[in-house]
C-alpha atoms as a PDB file:
ATOM      1  CA  MET A   1     -12.377 -15.213 -19.401  1.00  0.00           C
ATOM      2  CA  LEU A   2      -8.952 -13.780 -20.238  1.00  0.00           C
ATOM      3  CA  THR A   3      -7.191 -14.729 -23.464  1.00  0.00           C
ATOM      4  CA  CYS A   4      -4.022 -13.528 -25.179  1.00  0.00           C
ATOM      5  CA  ASP A   5      -2.148 -14.349 -28.392  1.00  0.00           C
ATOM      6  CA  ASP A   6       1.380 -13.868 -27.105  1.00  0.00           C
ATOM      7  CA  TYR A   7       3.203 -13.678 -23.778  1.00  0.00           C
ATOM      8  CA  LEU A   8       6.539 -11.873 -23.569  1.00  0.00           C
ATOM      9  CA  SER A   9       9.003 -11.741 -20.680  1.00  0.00           C
ATOM     10  CA  PRO A  10      11.653  -9.088 -21.377  1.00  0.00           C
ATOM     11  CA  LYS A  11      14.881  -9.259 -19.367  1.00  0.00           C
ATOM     12  CA  THR A  12      15.804  -5.561 -19.520  1.00  0.00           C
ATOM     13  CA  LEU A  13      13.984  -2.246 -19.505  1.00  0.00           C
ATOM     14  CA  ASP A  14      15.048  -1.638 -23.090  1.00  0.00           C
ATOM     15  CA  GLU A  15      13.528  -4.966 -24.136  1.00  0.00           C
ATOM     16  CA  ALA A  16      10.315  -4.005 -22.332  1.00  0.00           C
ATOM     17  CA  PHE A  17      10.149  -0.666 -24.126  1.00  0.00           C
ATOM     18  CA  ASP A  18      10.878  -2.417 -27.434  1.00  0.00           C
ATOM     19  CA  ALA A  19       7.957  -4.781 -26.844  1.00  0.00           C
ATOM     20  CA  MET A  20       5.652  -1.918 -25.846  1.00  0.00           C
ATOM     21  CA  GLU A  21       6.526   0.008 -29.018  1.00  0.00           C
ATOM     22  CA  ARG A  22       6.092  -3.023 -31.274  1.00  0.00           C
ATOM     23  CA  HIS A  23       2.694  -3.816 -29.817  1.00  0.00           C
ATOM     24  CA  ARG A  24       1.443  -0.308 -29.014  1.00  0.00           C
ATOM     25  CA  GLY A  25      -2.294  -0.322 -28.452  1.00  0.00           C
ATOM     26  CA  GLY A  26      -2.471  -4.104 -28.221  1.00  0.00           C
ATOM     27  CA  SER A  27      -0.453  -4.983 -25.123  1.00  0.00           C
ATOM     28  CA  ARG A  28      -0.632  -4.837 -21.357  1.00  0.00           C
ATOM     29  CA  LEU A  29       2.149  -4.871 -18.776  1.00  0.00           C
ATOM     30  CA  VAL A  30       1.918  -7.343 -15.905  1.00  0.00           C
ATOM     31  CA  ALA A  31       4.193  -8.124 -12.973  1.00  0.00           C
ATOM     32  CA  GLY A  32       2.652 -10.850 -10.860  1.00  0.00           C
ATOM     33  CA  ALA A  33      -0.710 -10.602 -12.651  1.00  0.00           C
ATOM     34  CA  THR A  34      -2.695 -11.428  -9.499  1.00  0.00           C
ATOM     35  CA  ASP A  35      -5.304  -8.751 -10.286  1.00  0.00           C
ATOM     36  CA  ILE A  36      -5.800  -9.276 -13.991  1.00  0.00           C
ATOM     37  CA  LEU A  37      -7.707 -12.579 -13.821  1.00  0.00           C
ATOM     38  CA  PRO A  38     -10.255 -11.342 -11.233  1.00  0.00           C
ATOM     39  CA  TRP A  39     -10.654  -8.186 -13.335  1.00  0.00           C
ATOM     40  CA  ALA A  40     -11.352 -10.251 -16.445  1.00  0.00           C
ATOM     41  CA  ARG A  41     -13.703 -12.644 -14.689  1.00  0.00           C
ATOM     42  CA  GLU A  42     -17.299 -12.640 -15.875  1.00  0.00           C
ATOM     43  CA  GLY A  43     -19.244  -9.994 -14.003  1.00  0.00           C
ATOM     44  CA  ARG A  44     -16.418  -7.465 -13.772  1.00  0.00           C
ATOM     45  CA  ALA A  45     -14.949  -6.992 -17.230  1.00  0.00           C
ATOM     46  CA  GLY A  46     -16.588  -9.866 -19.091  1.00  0.00           C
ATOM     47  CA  ASP A  47     -14.520 -11.721 -21.670  1.00  0.00           C
ATOM     48  CA  VAL A  48     -11.221  -9.922 -22.198  1.00  0.00           C
ATOM     49  CA  HIS A  49      -8.761 -10.483 -25.019  1.00  0.00           C
ATOM     50  CA  ILE A  50      -5.333  -8.836 -24.782  1.00  0.00           C
ATOM     51  CA  PRO A  51      -3.224  -9.567 -27.864  1.00  0.00           C
ATOM     52  CA  VAL A  52       0.117  -9.394 -26.006  1.00  0.00           C
ATOM     53  CA  LEU A  53       0.911  -9.689 -22.294  1.00  0.00           C
ATOM     54  CA  ILE A  54       4.324  -8.249 -21.382  1.00  0.00           C
ATOM     55  CA  ASP A  55       5.543  -9.646 -18.059  1.00  0.00           C
ATOM     56  CA  ILE A  56       8.193  -7.307 -16.603  1.00  0.00           C
ATOM     57  CA  ALA A  57       8.612  -9.129 -13.277  1.00  0.00           C
ATOM     58  CA  GLY A  58      11.885 -10.750 -14.370  1.00  0.00           C
ATOM     59  CA  ILE A  59      13.759  -7.507 -15.091  1.00  0.00           C
ATOM     60  CA  PRO A  60      16.645  -7.323 -12.557  1.00  0.00           C
ATOM     61  CA  GLU A  61      16.240  -3.581 -11.979  1.00  0.00           C
ATOM     62  CA  LEU A  62      12.683  -4.182 -10.843  1.00  0.00           C
ATOM     63  CA  ASN A  63      13.809  -6.717  -8.232  1.00  0.00           C
ATOM     64  CA  VAL A  64      16.418  -4.608  -6.417  1.00  0.00           C
ATOM     65  CA  ARG A  65      15.983  -4.010  -2.671  1.00  0.00           C
ATOM     66  CA  GLU A  66      18.261  -1.470  -0.984  1.00  0.00           C
ATOM     67  CA  ILE A  67      17.896  -0.535   2.677  1.00  0.00           C
ATOM     68  CA  GLY A  68      19.622   2.664   3.747  1.00  0.00           C
ATOM     69  CA  ALA A  69      19.649   4.622   6.985  1.00  0.00           C
ATOM     70  CA  ASP A  70      16.826   6.902   5.861  1.00  0.00           C
ATOM     71  CA  LYS A  71      15.374   5.354   2.726  1.00  0.00           C
ATOM     72  CA  VAL A  72      14.368   1.973   1.329  1.00  0.00           C
ATOM     73  CA  ARG A  73      14.421   1.443  -2.435  1.00  0.00           C
ATOM     74  CA  LEU A  74      12.149  -1.338  -3.644  1.00  0.00           C
ATOM     75  CA  GLY A  75      12.138  -2.578  -7.196  1.00  0.00           C
ATOM     76  CA  ALA A  76       8.543  -2.528  -8.414  1.00  0.00           C
ATOM     77  CA  ALA A  77       8.542  -6.338  -8.762  1.00  0.00           C
ATOM     78  CA  THR A  78       9.255  -6.856  -5.041  1.00  0.00           C
ATOM     79  CA  ARG A  79       6.816  -9.525  -3.859  1.00  0.00           C
ATOM     80  CA  PHE A  80       4.644  -8.966  -0.810  1.00  0.00           C
ATOM     81  CA  GLN A  81       6.058 -12.133   0.757  1.00  0.00           C
ATOM     82  CA  ARG A  82       9.393 -10.311   1.197  1.00  0.00           C
ATOM     83  CA  PHE A  83       7.777  -8.048   3.797  1.00  0.00           C
ATOM     84  CA  ILE A  84       7.254 -11.170   5.905  1.00  0.00           C
ATOM     85  CA  ASP A  85      10.436 -13.187   5.349  1.00  0.00           C
ATOM     86  CA  ASP A  86      13.123 -10.482   4.876  1.00  0.00           C
ATOM     87  CA  LYS A  87      13.989  -9.425   8.444  1.00  0.00           C
ATOM     88  CA  ALA A  88      15.920  -6.322   7.401  1.00  0.00           C
ATOM     89  CA  LEU A  89      12.986  -5.154   5.289  1.00  0.00           C
ATOM     90  CA  MET A  90      10.548  -5.872   8.112  1.00  0.00           C
ATOM     91  CA  ALA A  91      12.601  -3.775  10.533  1.00  0.00           C
ATOM     92  CA  ALA A  92      12.975  -0.813   8.168  1.00  0.00           C
ATOM     93  CA  LEU A  93       9.315  -0.758   7.049  1.00  0.00           C
ATOM     94  CA  PRO A  94       7.290  -1.692  10.152  1.00  0.00           C
ATOM     95  CA  ALA A  95       3.854  -1.081   8.613  1.00  0.00           C
ATOM     96  CA  LEU A  96       4.406  -3.417   5.628  1.00  0.00           C
ATOM     97  CA  PRO A  97       4.695  -6.784   7.455  1.00  0.00           C
ATOM     98  CA  PHE A  98       1.271  -6.339   9.052  1.00  0.00           C
ATOM     99  CA  CYS A  99      -0.155  -5.320   5.694  1.00  0.00           C
ATOM    100  CA  ALA A 100       1.428  -8.338   3.985  1.00  0.00           C
ATOM    101  CA  VAL A 101      -0.058 -10.767   6.518  1.00  0.00           C
ATOM    102  CA  TRP A 102      -3.502  -9.589   5.450  1.00  0.00           C
ATOM    103  CA  PHE A 103      -2.568  -9.700   1.769  1.00  0.00           C
ATOM    104  CA  ALA A 104      -4.265 -12.887   0.514  1.00  0.00           C
ATOM    105  CA  ASP A 105      -2.343 -16.157   1.027  1.00  0.00           C
ATOM    106  CA  ASP A 106       1.250 -17.392   0.688  1.00  0.00           C
ATOM    107  CA  GLN A 107       0.938 -18.298  -2.998  1.00  0.00           C
ATOM    108  CA  ILE A 108      -0.480 -14.938  -4.010  1.00  0.00           C
ATOM    109  CA  ARG A 109       2.043 -13.047  -1.858  1.00  0.00           C
ATOM    110  CA  GLU A 110       4.825 -14.817  -3.764  1.00  0.00           C
ATOM    111  CA  SER A 111       3.439 -13.407  -7.021  1.00  0.00           C
ATOM    112  CA  ALA A 112       1.800 -10.097  -6.126  1.00  0.00           C
ATOM    113  CA  THR A 113       4.155  -7.115  -6.421  1.00  0.00           C
ATOM    114  CA  ILE A 114       4.271  -3.786  -4.638  1.00  0.00           C
ATOM    115  CA  GLY A 115       4.456  -1.926  -7.953  1.00  0.00           C
ATOM    116  CA  GLY A 116       1.469  -3.754  -9.377  1.00  0.00           C
ATOM    117  CA  ASN A 117      -0.589  -3.033  -6.283  1.00  0.00           C
ATOM    118  CA  LEU A 118       0.108   0.692  -6.602  1.00  0.00           C
ATOM    119  CA  VAL A 119      -0.191   1.016 -10.369  1.00  0.00           C
ATOM    120  CA  ASN A 120      -3.742  -0.377 -10.365  1.00  0.00           C
ATOM    121  CA  ALA A 121      -4.762   2.693  -8.317  1.00  0.00           C
ATOM    122  CA  SER A 122      -7.515   0.830  -6.507  1.00  0.00           C
ATOM    123  CA  PRO A 123      -9.243   2.804  -3.722  1.00  0.00           C
ATOM    124  CA  ALA A 124      -9.120  -0.388  -1.647  1.00  0.00           C
ATOM    125  CA  ALA A 125      -5.532  -1.490  -2.376  1.00  0.00           C
ATOM    126  CA  ASP A 126      -3.944  -2.884   0.790  1.00  0.00           C
ATOM    127  CA  GLY A 127      -0.427  -1.764  -0.051  1.00  0.00           C
ATOM    128  CA  THR A 128      -1.187   1.906  -0.673  1.00  0.00           C
ATOM    129  CA  PRO A 129      -1.998   3.021   2.914  1.00  0.00           C
ATOM    130  CA  ALA A 130       1.044   1.130   4.218  1.00  0.00           C
ATOM    131  CA  VAL A 131       3.277   2.832   1.651  1.00  0.00           C
ATOM    132  CA  LEU A 132       1.678   6.223   2.323  1.00  0.00           C
ATOM    133  CA  VAL A 133       2.610   6.165   6.016  1.00  0.00           C
ATOM    134  CA  HIS A 134       6.203   5.502   4.912  1.00  0.00           C
ATOM    135  CA  ASP A 135       6.131   8.701   2.795  1.00  0.00           C
ATOM    136  CA  GLY A 136       6.098   6.557  -0.336  1.00  0.00           C
ATOM    137  CA  ALA A 137       7.090   7.714  -3.797  1.00  0.00           C
ATOM    138  CA  VAL A 138       7.295   5.929  -7.134  1.00  0.00           C
ATOM    139  CA  VAL A 139       9.863   6.184  -9.911  1.00  0.00           C
ATOM    140  CA  LEU A 140       8.414   6.121 -13.428  1.00  0.00           C
ATOM    141  CA  ALA A 141      10.556   5.343 -16.477  1.00  0.00           C
ATOM    142  CA  SER A 142      10.006   6.213 -20.120  1.00  0.00           C
ATOM    143  CA  ARG A 143      12.187   6.078 -23.226  1.00  0.00           C
ATOM    144  CA  ARG A 144      12.731   9.103 -25.430  1.00  0.00           C
ATOM    145  CA  ALA A 145      15.012   9.024 -28.486  1.00  0.00           C
ATOM    146  CA  GLY A 146      16.555   5.792 -27.273  1.00  0.00           C
ATOM    147  CA  LYS A 147      17.346   7.144 -23.799  1.00  0.00           C
ATOM    148  CA  ILE A 148      15.586   5.939 -20.625  1.00  0.00           C
ATOM    149  CA  GLU A 149      14.363   8.846 -18.506  1.00  0.00           C
ATOM    150  CA  ARG A 150      13.045   8.688 -14.946  1.00  0.00           C
ATOM    151  CA  ARG A 151      10.744  10.871 -12.877  1.00  0.00           C
ATOM    152  CA  ARG A 152       9.775  10.670  -9.213  1.00  0.00           C
ATOM    153  CA  VAL A 153       6.203  11.164  -7.992  1.00  0.00           C
ATOM    154  CA  THR A 154       4.878  10.872  -4.438  1.00  0.00           C
ATOM    155  CA  VAL A 155       2.329   8.108  -3.999  1.00  0.00           C
ATOM    156  CA  ALA A 156      -0.175  10.701  -2.752  1.00  0.00           C
ATOM    157  CA  ASP A 157       0.140  12.548  -6.088  1.00  0.00           C
ATOM    158  CA  PHE A 158       0.371   9.358  -8.161  1.00  0.00           C
ATOM    159  CA  MET A 159      -3.198   8.280  -7.317  1.00  0.00           C
ATOM    160  CA  GLN A 160      -5.822  10.346  -9.141  1.00  0.00           C
ATOM    161  CA  GLY A 161      -9.000   8.345  -8.597  1.00  0.00           C
ATOM    162  CA  PRO A 162     -10.401   4.814  -8.897  1.00  0.00           C
ATOM    163  CA  GLY A 163      -8.177   3.074 -11.452  1.00  0.00           C
ATOM    164  CA  LYS A 164      -6.554   6.375 -12.430  1.00  0.00           C
ATOM    165  CA  SER A 165      -2.975   7.513 -11.919  1.00  0.00           C
ATOM    166  CA  VAL A 166      -0.466   9.915 -13.441  1.00  0.00           C
ATOM    167  CA  LEU A 167       1.305   7.024 -15.210  1.00  0.00           C
ATOM    168  CA  GLY A 168       1.751   8.246 -18.756  1.00  0.00           C
ATOM    169  CA  ASP A 169       1.476   6.398 -22.036  1.00  0.00           C
ATOM    170  CA  GLY A 170       4.674   4.432 -22.545  1.00  0.00           C
ATOM    171  CA  GLU A 171       5.767   4.722 -18.891  1.00  0.00           C
ATOM    172  CA  ILE A 172       6.683   1.886 -16.526  1.00  0.00           C
ATOM    173  CA  LEU A 173       6.589   2.079 -12.740  1.00  0.00           C
ATOM    174  CA  ILE A 174      10.024   0.697 -11.867  1.00  0.00           C
ATOM    175  CA  GLU A 175      10.669   1.563  -8.220  1.00  0.00           C
ATOM    176  CA  VAL A 176       8.983   2.403  -4.925  1.00  0.00           C
ATOM    177  CA  GLU A 177      10.805   4.553  -2.382  1.00  0.00           C
ATOM    178  CA  CYS A 178       9.856   4.512   1.299  1.00  0.00           C
ATOM    179  CA  ALA A 179      11.166   6.224   4.412  1.00  0.00           C
ATOM    180  CA  ALA A 180      13.057   3.791   6.647  1.00  0.00           C
ATOM    181  CA  LEU A 181      11.456   4.020  10.101  1.00  0.00           C
ATOM    182  CA  PRO A 182      12.921   1.241  12.280  1.00  0.00           C
ATOM    183  CA  LYS A 183      12.093   3.038  15.559  1.00  0.00           C
ATOM    184  CA  HIS A 184       8.379   3.157  14.813  1.00  0.00           C
ATOM    185  CA  GLY A 185       5.769   0.623  15.792  1.00  0.00           C
ATOM    186  CA  GLY A 186       3.503  -0.468  12.962  1.00  0.00           C
ATOM    187  CA  ALA A 187      -0.048  -1.745  12.569  1.00  0.00           C
ATOM    188  CA  PHE A 188      -2.532  -2.588   9.814  1.00  0.00           C
ATOM    189  CA  GLU A 189      -6.245  -3.311  10.038  1.00  0.00           C
ATOM    190  CA  LYS A 190      -8.539  -4.595   7.317  1.00  0.00           C
ATOM    191  CA  VAL A 191     -12.051  -5.890   6.747  1.00  0.00           C
ATOM    192  CA  GLY A 192     -13.934  -7.049   3.656  1.00  0.00           C
ATOM    193  CA  HIS A 193     -16.956  -9.060   2.594  1.00  0.00           C
ATOM    194  CA  ARG A 194     -15.375 -12.381   3.569  1.00  0.00           C
ATOM    195  CA  ARG A 195     -12.364 -13.555   5.559  1.00  0.00           C
ATOM    196  CA  SER A 196     -10.122 -15.131   2.909  1.00  0.00           C
ATOM    197  CA  LEU A 197      -8.508 -13.489  -0.141  1.00  0.00           C
ATOM    198  CA  VAL A 198     -10.633 -10.463   0.563  1.00  0.00           C
ATOM    199  CA  ILE A 199     -10.768  -7.059  -1.131  1.00  0.00           C
ATOM    200  CA  SER A 200     -10.811  -4.355   1.531  1.00  0.00           C
ATOM    201  CA  THR A 201     -13.977  -2.559   2.473  1.00  0.00           C
ATOM    202  CA  VAL A 202     -11.858  -0.519   4.901  1.00  0.00           C
ATOM    203  CA  CYS A 203      -8.139  -0.729   5.652  1.00  0.00           C
ATOM    204  CA  VAL A 204      -5.971   1.402   7.942  1.00  0.00           C
ATOM    205  CA  ALA A 205      -2.180   1.583   8.321  1.00  0.00           C
ATOM    206  CA  ALA A 206      -0.446   3.212  11.296  1.00  0.00           C
ATOM    207  CA  LEU A 207       3.069   4.074  12.423  1.00  0.00           C
ATOM    208  CA  VAL A 208       3.913   5.482  15.851  1.00  0.00           C
ATOM    209  CA  GLU A 209       7.168   6.634  17.425  1.00  0.00           C
ATOM    210  CA  ARG A 210       7.206   7.402  21.139  1.00  0.00           C
ATOM    211  CA  ASP A 211       9.459   9.726  23.122  1.00  0.00           C
ATOM    212  CA  ALA A 212      12.313   8.530  25.334  1.00  0.00           C
ATOM    213  CA  ALA A 213      10.026   8.144  28.337  1.00  0.00           C
ATOM    214  CA  GLY A 214       7.409   6.270  26.336  1.00  0.00           C
ATOM    215  CA  GLU A 215       4.706   8.729  27.422  1.00  0.00           C
ATOM    216  CA  ARG A 216       4.248  10.919  24.361  1.00  0.00           C
ATOM    217  CA  LEU A 217       3.895  10.316  20.631  1.00  0.00           C
ATOM    218  CA  SER A 218       6.816  12.004  18.901  1.00  0.00           C
ATOM    219  CA  ASP A 219       5.531  10.908  15.493  1.00  0.00           C
ATOM    220  CA  VAL A 220       2.190   9.563  14.274  1.00  0.00           C
ATOM    221  CA  ARG A 221       1.339   8.441  10.738  1.00  0.00           C
ATOM    222  CA  LEU A 222      -2.068   7.163   9.666  1.00  0.00           C
ATOM    223  CA  ALA A 223      -3.539   6.285   6.282  1.00  0.00           C
ATOM    224  CA  VAL A 224      -6.873   4.824   5.229  1.00  0.00           C
ATOM    225  CA  GLY A 225      -8.144   3.035   2.134  1.00  0.00           C
ATOM    226  CA  GLY A 226     -11.547   1.864   0.943  1.00  0.00           C
ATOM    227  CA  VAL A 227     -13.499   4.879   2.190  1.00  0.00           C
ATOM    228  CA  GLY A 228     -13.048   7.287  -0.725  1.00  0.00           C
ATOM    229  CA  PRO A 229     -11.809   7.581  -4.305  1.00  0.00           C
ATOM    230  CA  VAL A 230      -8.145   7.244  -3.264  1.00  0.00           C
ATOM    231  CA  PRO A 231      -6.324   6.039  -0.145  1.00  0.00           C
ATOM    232  CA  ARG A 232      -5.122   9.010   1.895  1.00  0.00           C
ATOM    233  CA  ARG A 233      -3.151  10.131   4.940  1.00  0.00           C
ATOM    234  CA  MET A 234      -5.113  11.295   7.998  1.00  0.00           C
ATOM    235  CA  ASP A 235      -3.186  14.538   8.383  1.00  0.00           C
ATOM    236  CA  LYS A 236      -5.463  16.241  10.911  1.00  0.00           C
ATOM    237  CA  ILE A 237      -5.540  13.235  13.219  1.00  0.00           C
ATOM    238  CA  GLU A 238      -1.757  12.903  12.988  1.00  0.00           C
ATOM    239  CA  ALA A 239      -1.274  16.561  13.923  1.00  0.00           C
ATOM    240  CA  ALA A 240      -3.722  16.295  16.824  1.00  0.00           C
ATOM    241  CA  LEU A 241      -1.781  13.403  18.355  1.00  0.00           C
ATOM    242  CA  LYS A 242       1.839  14.491  17.940  1.00  0.00           C
ATOM    243  CA  SER A 243       3.608  15.418  21.190  1.00  0.00           C
ATOM    244  CA  ARG A 244       0.483  14.638  23.226  1.00  0.00           C
ATOM    245  CA  ARG A 245       0.647  12.504  26.343  1.00  0.00           C
ATOM    246  CA  LEU A 246      -0.726   9.037  25.716  1.00  0.00           C
ATOM    247  CA  SER A 247      -4.028   7.996  27.230  1.00  0.00           C
ATOM    248  CA  ASN A 248      -7.060   5.914  26.378  1.00  0.00           C
ATOM    249  CA  ASP A 249      -9.137   9.080  26.051  1.00  0.00           C
ATOM    250  CA  LEU A 250      -6.661  10.735  23.671  1.00  0.00           C
ATOM    251  CA  LEU A 251      -6.640   7.769  21.290  1.00  0.00           C
ATOM    252  CA  GLU A 252     -10.387   7.343  21.422  1.00  0.00           C
ATOM    253  CA  GLU A 253     -10.954  11.044  20.766  1.00  0.00           C
ATOM    254  CA  ALA A 254      -8.670  10.912  17.727  1.00  0.00           C
ATOM    255  CA  ALA A 255     -10.363   7.802  16.369  1.00  0.00           C
ATOM    256  CA  GLY A 256     -13.763   9.430  16.737  1.00  0.00           C
ATOM    257  CA  THR A 257     -12.892  12.062  14.139  1.00  0.00           C
ATOM    258  CA  ALA A 258     -11.894   9.455  11.534  1.00  0.00           C
ATOM    259  CA  ALA A 259     -15.508   8.821  10.514  1.00  0.00           C
ATOM    260  CA  ASP A 260     -15.570  12.200   8.772  1.00  0.00           C
ATOM    261  CA  LEU A 261     -13.139  10.836   6.160  1.00  0.00           C
ATOM    262  CA  VAL A 262     -15.672   8.394   4.725  1.00  0.00           C
ATOM    263  CA  ALA A 263     -16.629   9.559   1.229  1.00  0.00           C
ATOM    264  CA  SER A 264     -17.719   6.264  -0.321  1.00  0.00           C
ATOM    265  CA  ARG A 265     -21.093   6.167  -2.047  1.00  0.00           C
ATOM    266  CA  THR A 266     -22.044   2.813  -0.509  1.00  0.00           C
ATOM    267  CA  ARG A 267     -22.232   1.394   3.026  1.00  0.00           C
ATOM    268  CA  GLN A 268     -21.332   4.762   4.539  1.00  0.00           C
ATOM    269  CA  GLU A 269     -22.637   4.132   8.041  1.00  0.00           C
ATOM    270  CA  TYR A 270     -20.873   0.769   8.201  1.00  0.00           C
ATOM    271  CA  ARG A 271     -17.606   2.286   7.009  1.00  0.00           C
ATOM    272  CA  ARG A 272     -17.886   5.178   9.479  1.00  0.00           C
ATOM    273  CA  GLU A 273     -18.201   2.754  12.370  1.00  0.00           C
ATOM    274  CA  VAL A 274     -15.438   0.450  11.148  1.00  0.00           C
ATOM    275  CA  VAL A 275     -12.896   3.160  10.398  1.00  0.00           C
ATOM    276  CA  GLN A 276     -13.235   4.564  13.932  1.00  0.00           C
ATOM    277  CA  GLY A 277     -12.577   1.155  15.477  1.00  0.00           C
ATOM    278  CA  PHE A 278      -9.691   0.465  13.109  1.00  0.00           C
ATOM    279  CA  VAL A 279      -7.965   3.779  13.803  1.00  0.00           C
ATOM    280  CA  LEU A 280      -8.262   3.178  17.531  1.00  0.00           C
ATOM    281  CA  ARG A 281      -6.969  -0.390  17.323  1.00  0.00           C
ATOM    282  CA  ALA A 282      -4.148   0.545  14.948  1.00  0.00           C
ATOM    283  CA  LEU A 283      -3.015   3.363  17.237  1.00  0.00           C
ATOM    284  CA  VAL A 284      -3.098   1.127  20.305  1.00  0.00           C
ATOM    285  CA  ASN A 285      -1.166  -1.695  18.637  1.00  0.00           C
ATOM    286  CA  ALA A 286       1.372   0.573  16.958  1.00  0.00           C
ATOM    287  CA  SER A 287       1.974   2.448  20.225  1.00  0.00           C
ATOM    288  CA  ARG A 288       2.566  -0.765  22.124  1.00  0.00           C
ATOM    289  CA  ARG A 289       4.914  -2.073  19.444  1.00  0.00           C
ATOM    290  CA  ALA A 290       6.835   1.209  19.641  1.00  0.00           C
ATOM    291  CA  GLY A 291       7.381   0.589  23.356  1.00  0.00           C
ATOM    292  CA  ALA A 292       4.886   3.071  24.770  1.00  0.00           C
ATOM    293  CA  CYS A 293       4.399   3.012  28.516  1.00  0.00           C
ATOM    294  CA  GLU A 294       1.909   0.200  29.140  1.00  0.00           C
ATOM    295  CA  LYS A 295       0.201   1.908  32.088  1.00  0.00           C
ATOM    296  CA  LEU A 296      -0.922   4.766  29.834  1.00  0.00           C
ATOM    297  CA  ILE A 297      -2.910   2.494  27.493  1.00  0.00           C
ATOM    298  CA  THR A 298      -4.973   0.202  29.673  1.00  0.00           C
ATOM    299  CA  ARG A 299      -6.672  -2.994  28.590  1.00  0.00           C
ATOM    300  CA  GLU A 300     -10.071  -1.308  28.998  1.00  0.00           C
ATOM    301  CA  ILE A 301      -9.653   0.319  25.615  1.00  0.00           C
ATOM    302  CA  GLU A 302      -9.681  -3.040  23.842  1.00  0.00           C
ATOM    303  CA  ALA A 303     -13.360  -3.489  24.778  1.00  0.00           C
ATOM    304  CA  ARG A 304     -14.179  -0.274  22.963  1.00  0.00           C
ATOM    305  CA  TYR A 305     -13.005  -1.504  19.567  1.00  0.00           C
ATOM    306  CA  ALA A 306     -13.666  -5.241  19.911  1.00  0.00           C
END
């Protein structure tokens, strides 16, 4: 059970920092709060009492969305539902809509925030692989001598281990930056212990850009979660695929090496098998969505990952 004595909803960053300073050591920031109740449920954290909950989701700066030619700036309180119903956002960040579809149900997507998903630093967070393939970075804010200071950290460097990040004491994650990649095809694959509202056992995000003829992969981006202490990019597989001519054999060969990334302490054999199938399926779907030449990826390959 989760209990608290007070619930605050600051309207500015300064008000949030004021509340954090007043209640130092006895408060917790939330923005959507879709993870805190499961965490506090009996069997995970037991009974949890937090004297003061500080809900920062209503701060305007944390709800800004700016789409530029090369970069997308997302306020940390951007809800996952926006990746499904904001067409401009969907076009600029082609991996996120497929991730969001898998992200629980409509009600939770309207509450769950991209910043909250990242700041929890879960090895199985759905949003992290999708942000990683978009070269994601976070902006962290702190207040020193009355002045708000900001620092930028790549998402790859932000995650330090299960539940651990470089977020410092007194800092707030206020923004997520992603590369705008409207010419890429996106894909996201996920499996867990049950079909609904599931925590990932394995999840894979992919982005693919093809050449003008649709026969080669000019850019490939892959990231995996749930198979190690932190979600990570699949750099070696990406490098092995770039500029190569598309074929069933090429994609299957690349997927076959993905099993080596599994570093989880449990269900290793299962994860090794799943991650290979997911990488293959994600590459096939992302390539097709990017407009790759259909004759180069035949329907036979679907039987190999079904």
